[in-house]
Amino acid sequence: MTYAVVYHSKTGNTKEVAEAIYQSLPAGAVRLYKTTTLQAAPEADVYFVGFSVHNRTCGIETMNFLDQIKGGKIALFATCGFCPVDAYREQLEQHLAVWLPERAEYLGMFLCQGKVSSERAEKMIQKMPQAQAKKMEDMFQRGLVHPDAEDLHEAQKFAQNIQVQCGEAVIGC
């Protein structure tokens, strides 16, 4: 089984998660790529595709990459400024379903909180009603330490669970 870990990261949050996933997969059977360096989708049995969430979807770089996948299996991973509760992850999966190639099998999604730049956080907070602005400010403050060691460990467990789904034996993280 071969794996490609492909990510787009503007702030470094998604890169950290991509590297953790990469490190948890079998050496020699996995390659790590940035979307900005790829001309075409590499050949792989399983694609781990990562991005940061903006407006409840992925960026155009990730959409373009997903469009290039000819088959195999896909697992998504993402970082976002919001607390990654299951309901939010499920909404994201619904929004992202249109970008998943029909010819590939979808395996699931890992989501964790990431840091949001102070400029972006300020813009988002200003758009919120005053009652919600404080909650959002607190959430962004908590996000300043993410992804943390626990997030990265959970990303590795996610990757190992995908390996198991694909019938691969897993050696601990």
Protein backbone atom coordinates (compact mmCIF):
# COMPACT_ATOMS: atom_id res chain seq x y z
CA MET A 1 0.00 0.00 0.00
CA THR A 2 1.37 3.43 -0.94
CA TYR A 3 0.45 6.74 0.68
CA ALA A 4 0.65 10.37 -0.40
CA VAL A 5 0.27 13.09 2.23
CA VAL A 6 -0.61 16.27 0.34
CA TYR A 7 -1.32 19.58 2.05
CA HIS A 8 -1.80 23.30 1.57
CA SER A 9 -0.77 25.48 4.50
CA LYS A 10 -0.57 29.26 4.71
CA THR A 11 0.16 29.61 8.43
CA GLY A 12 1.99 26.36 9.15
CA ASN A 13 -0.85 24.75 11.14
CA THR A 14 -1.79 22.24 8.44
CA LYS A 15 1.88 21.56 7.68
CA GLU A 16 2.40 20.46 11.31
CA VAL A 17 -0.50 18.02 11.05
CA ALA A 18 0.70 16.76 7.64
CA GLU A 19 4.15 16.04 9.05
CA ALA A 20 2.66 14.15 12.02
CA ILE A 21 0.55 12.01 9.67
CA TYR A 22 3.54 11.43 7.39
CA GLN A 23 5.67 10.26 10.34
CA SER A 24 3.01 7.75 11.42
CA LEU A 25 2.84 5.98 8.05
CA PRO A 26 5.23 3.23 6.89
CA ALA A 27 8.63 4.61 5.83
CA GLY A 28 9.29 3.87 2.20
CA ALA A 29 5.58 3.66 1.39
CA VAL A 30 4.72 7.32 1.98
CA ARG A 31 5.60 10.65 0.35
CA LEU A 32 4.91 14.17 1.60
CA TYR A 33 3.91 16.95 -0.83
CA LYS A 34 2.80 20.58 -0.75
CA THR A 35 0.05 21.37 -3.26
CA THR A 36 2.09 24.33 -4.46
CA THR A 37 4.92 22.07 -5.66
CA LEU A 38 2.82 19.52 -7.55
CA GLN A 39 2.17 19.61 -11.29
CA ALA A 40 -0.11 16.54 -11.10
CA ALA A 41 -1.41 14.15 -8.48
CA PRO A 42 1.21 11.55 -7.58
CA GLU A 43 0.30 7.87 -7.84
CA ALA A 44 -0.82 6.41 -4.50
CA ASP A 45 -3.30 3.94 -3.09
CA VAL A 46 -4.30 6.29 -0.26
CA TYR A 47 -4.25 10.09 -0.29
CA PHE A 48 -4.23 12.10 2.94
CA VAL A 49 -5.26 15.58 1.78
CA GLY A 50 -4.91 18.52 4.17
CA PHE A 51 -5.92 22.18 4.14
CA SER A 52 -7.07 25.01 6.34
CA VAL A 53 -10.77 25.69 6.47
CA HIS A 54 -12.05 28.99 5.10
CA ASN A 55 -15.76 29.69 4.73
CA ARG A 56 -16.62 26.05 5.47
CA THR A 57 -14.59 24.63 2.61
CA CYS A 58 -11.07 24.10 1.31
CA GLY A 59 -9.10 26.49 -0.88
CA ILE A 60 -8.84 26.36 -4.65
CA GLU A 61 -5.42 24.66 -4.42
CA THR A 62 -6.98 21.72 -2.63
CA MET A 63 -9.99 21.64 -4.95
CA ASN A 64 -7.66 21.51 -7.95
CA PHE A 65 -5.61 18.72 -6.40
CA LEU A 66 -8.69 16.63 -5.56
CA ASP A 67 -9.85 17.02 -9.15
CA GLN A 68 -6.62 15.38 -10.34
CA ILE A 69 -7.02 12.18 -8.32
CA LYS A 70 -7.86 9.29 -10.64
CA GLY A 71 -8.84 6.69 -8.02
CA GLY A 72 -7.76 5.15 -4.76
CA LYS A 73 -8.83 6.25 -1.33
CA ILE A 74 -8.97 9.68 0.26
CA ALA A 75 -8.76 10.79 3.88
CA LEU A 76 -9.02 14.49 4.64
CA PHE A 77 -7.40 16.46 7.44
CA ALA A 78 -7.88 20.12 8.19
CA THR A 79 -7.15 22.88 10.64
CA CYS A 80 -9.62 25.62 11.47
CA GLY A 81 -9.98 28.58 13.78
CA PHE A 82 -13.08 27.11 15.36
CA CYS A 83 -13.26 24.44 18.05
CA PRO A 84 -13.42 21.16 16.12
CA VAL A 85 -16.64 19.66 17.45
CA ASP A 86 -18.14 16.67 15.63
CA ALA A 87 -21.13 18.66 14.34
CA TYR A 88 -18.80 21.19 12.69
CA ARG A 89 -16.69 18.40 11.15
CA GLU A 90 -19.86 16.77 9.77
CA GLN A 91 -20.97 20.09 8.23
CA LEU A 92 -17.55 20.47 6.63
CA GLU A 93 -17.71 16.95 5.21
CA GLN A 94 -21.09 17.77 3.65
CA HIS A 95 -19.71 20.97 2.09
CA LEU A 96 -16.58 19.18 0.85
CA ALA A 97 -18.41 16.20 -0.66
CA VAL A 98 -18.81 18.03 -3.97
CA TRP A 99 -15.01 18.26 -4.34
CA LEU A 100 -14.34 14.57 -3.71
CA PRO A 101 -13.77 12.60 -6.91
CA GLU A 102 -16.45 10.01 -7.61
CA ARG A 103 -13.77 7.53 -8.63
CA ALA A 104 -12.13 7.56 -5.17
CA GLU A 105 -13.34 6.06 -1.89
CA TYR A 106 -13.74 8.56 0.95
CA LEU A 107 -12.39 7.28 4.28
CA GLY A 108 -13.04 10.11 6.75
CA MET A 109 -11.76 13.41 8.11
CA PHE A 110 -9.53 14.60 10.93
CA LEU A 111 -10.11 18.16 12.13
CA CYS A 112 -8.22 20.18 14.71
CA GLN A 113 -8.08 23.76 15.79
CA GLY A 114 -5.28 25.96 14.52
CA LYS A 115 -3.94 29.39 15.23
CA VAL A 116 -5.68 32.29 13.51
CA SER A 117 -3.64 35.40 12.74
CA SER A 118 -4.51 38.34 14.94
CA GLU A 119 -5.54 40.40 11.88
CA ARG A 120 -7.92 37.72 10.61
CA ALA A 121 -9.33 37.07 14.10
CA GLU A 122 -9.97 40.78 14.58
CA LYS A 123 -11.84 41.02 11.24
CA MET A 124 -13.99 38.00 12.10
CA ILE A 125 -14.76 39.26 15.61
CA GLN A 126 -15.80 42.68 14.27
CA LYS A 127 -18.41 41.01 12.04
CA MET A 128 -20.04 39.22 15.00
CA PRO A 129 -22.87 40.50 17.17
CA GLN A 130 -21.45 41.72 20.48
CA ALA A 131 -22.89 38.74 22.40
CA GLN A 132 -20.94 36.29 20.21
CA ALA A 133 -17.80 38.40 19.81
CA LYS A 134 -16.48 37.57 23.30
CA LYS A 135 -16.99 33.82 22.74
CA MET A 136 -15.17 34.02 19.42
CA GLU A 137 -12.34 36.04 20.96
CA ASP A 138 -11.96 33.40 23.71
CA MET A 139 -11.97 30.61 21.12
CA PHE A 140 -9.24 32.30 19.07
CA GLN A 141 -7.22 32.83 22.25
CA ARG A 142 -7.43 29.09 23.04
CA GLY A 143 -6.42 28.36 19.45
CA LEU A 144 -3.08 30.14 19.85
CA VAL A 145 -1.54 26.92 21.22
CA HIS A 146 -2.95 24.65 18.49
CA PRO A 147 -2.16 22.36 16.92
CA ASP A 148 -0.59 21.07 20.12
CA ALA A 149 1.06 17.74 20.99
CA GLU A 150 -2.31 16.12 21.69
CA ASP A 151 -3.71 17.28 18.32
CA LEU A 152 -0.67 15.85 16.53
CA HIS A 153 -0.98 12.56 18.41
CA GLU A 154 -4.67 12.37 17.45
CA ALA A 155 -3.72 13.03 13.81
CA GLN A 156 -1.31 10.09 13.98
CA LYS A 157 -4.01 7.88 15.48
CA PHE A 158 -6.33 8.97 12.67
CA ALA A 159 -3.72 7.97 10.08
CA GLN A 160 -3.23 4.62 11.77
CA ASN A 161 -6.99 4.01 11.80
CA ILE A 162 -7.04 4.72 8.07
CA GLN A 163 -4.25 2.15 7.63
CA VAL A 164 -6.35 -0.40 9.50
CA GLN A 165 -9.40 0.46 7.34
CA CYS A 166 -7.20 -0.30 4.33
CA GLY A 167 -6.14 -3.67 5.74
CA GLU A 168 -2.63 -2.63 6.74
CA ALA A 169 -0.86 -3.71 9.90
CA VAL A 170 0.05 -0.78 12.16
CA ILE A 171 3.05 -0.37 14.43
CA GLY A 172 2.40 2.15 17.27
CA CYS A 173 3.01 5.93 17.02
